[in-house]
Amino acid sequence: MERKILLTDCPDETGLIARVTGICSRHRLNIIKNTEFVDNQKSRFFMRTVLDGEFTDDFLAEVKESLPESASIRLVTSCRKRLVIMVTKEIHCLGDLLLKNYAKTMNFEIAAVIGNYNSLRELTEKFSIPFHLVSHEGLTREEHCRQIMKVIDAYAPDYIVLAKYMRILTPEFISAYPNRIINIHHSFLPAFIGAKPYEQAYNRGVKIIGATAHFVTEHLDEGPIIEQDVIKVDHNFTASDMAEAGRDIERMVLDHALNYVLDDKVFIYGNKTVVFRN
């Protein structure tokens, strides 16, 4: 017996659920969980089906044949995903991920950590994980990103996580890993894009601050959003207080986003996501 997840994304039309589940039944596959969503504005259908059983070579072809011509389907194995983490100097998101990797409480294994400073080497190596310094000093952004790509490709990760990595990536880098780079942004997008978001928030006198986890695209901080959350602040908070309070929410939002992505609960379409939280 094997457990796999069938991911279906196609134009909506009558009978899609019955068609897919009927094929699963004919192949004697046990449906552990089935979750679906229809975007009525765009008439788009999404479904995540967790299956147990013996999978034959013709199962996926039969599902594909039953769906609209432009359907996208994937049959993935539920397994721990390999991550490469990219960092600069901030410790809180990396520290949280290293602890979860050590305790095996999330569905990933950290293959390596890459930093453009050496600040987090000692912490990383305490967990027996390779740390690679790829300094940006004296290099163009393009040269720097190409050097990072060489390190990443040696580990063949499923996803790259920017755990407070504070440099802008090149279009070449981003296009090499489509829908595989996840960033945690220290504000509530689309507000306060770019540098010093807590100072921007303080200067606007905001009453909430938050964090956003999103996929990285060529448009800075504008990729498909996976998860967001906020906390309340007031006039007593300085910009420094806001930054301190924001660290906890950044860790939490990144954790939740990774849980959804690594458990194959996220569909990307256009610049949006469908996230099956349960």
Foldseek 3Di string as FASTA:
>chain_A
DFKKKKKKKAAADPPLVVQLVVLCVVVVKDFPDKDKDAPVVRRMIIMITITDDDDDPCSVVSSCVVGPVPMDMDIGGQAAFEEEEEEEADDQQVLLVLVCLLVVVARYHYQAYEYLDCNCVVVCCVSVHHYHHQHCPPHDLVVSLVVVVVVCVVRPGQAYEYRHHQDDHDQVNCVVNDQRYKYKAFFAPPPQFDPLSLQVCLVVQDFKTKMWIARDHNPGPQAATQFMDIDTDGNVDDSVNSSVVSSVRSNVRVVQSCRQVSRVQWDDDDRYIHGDND
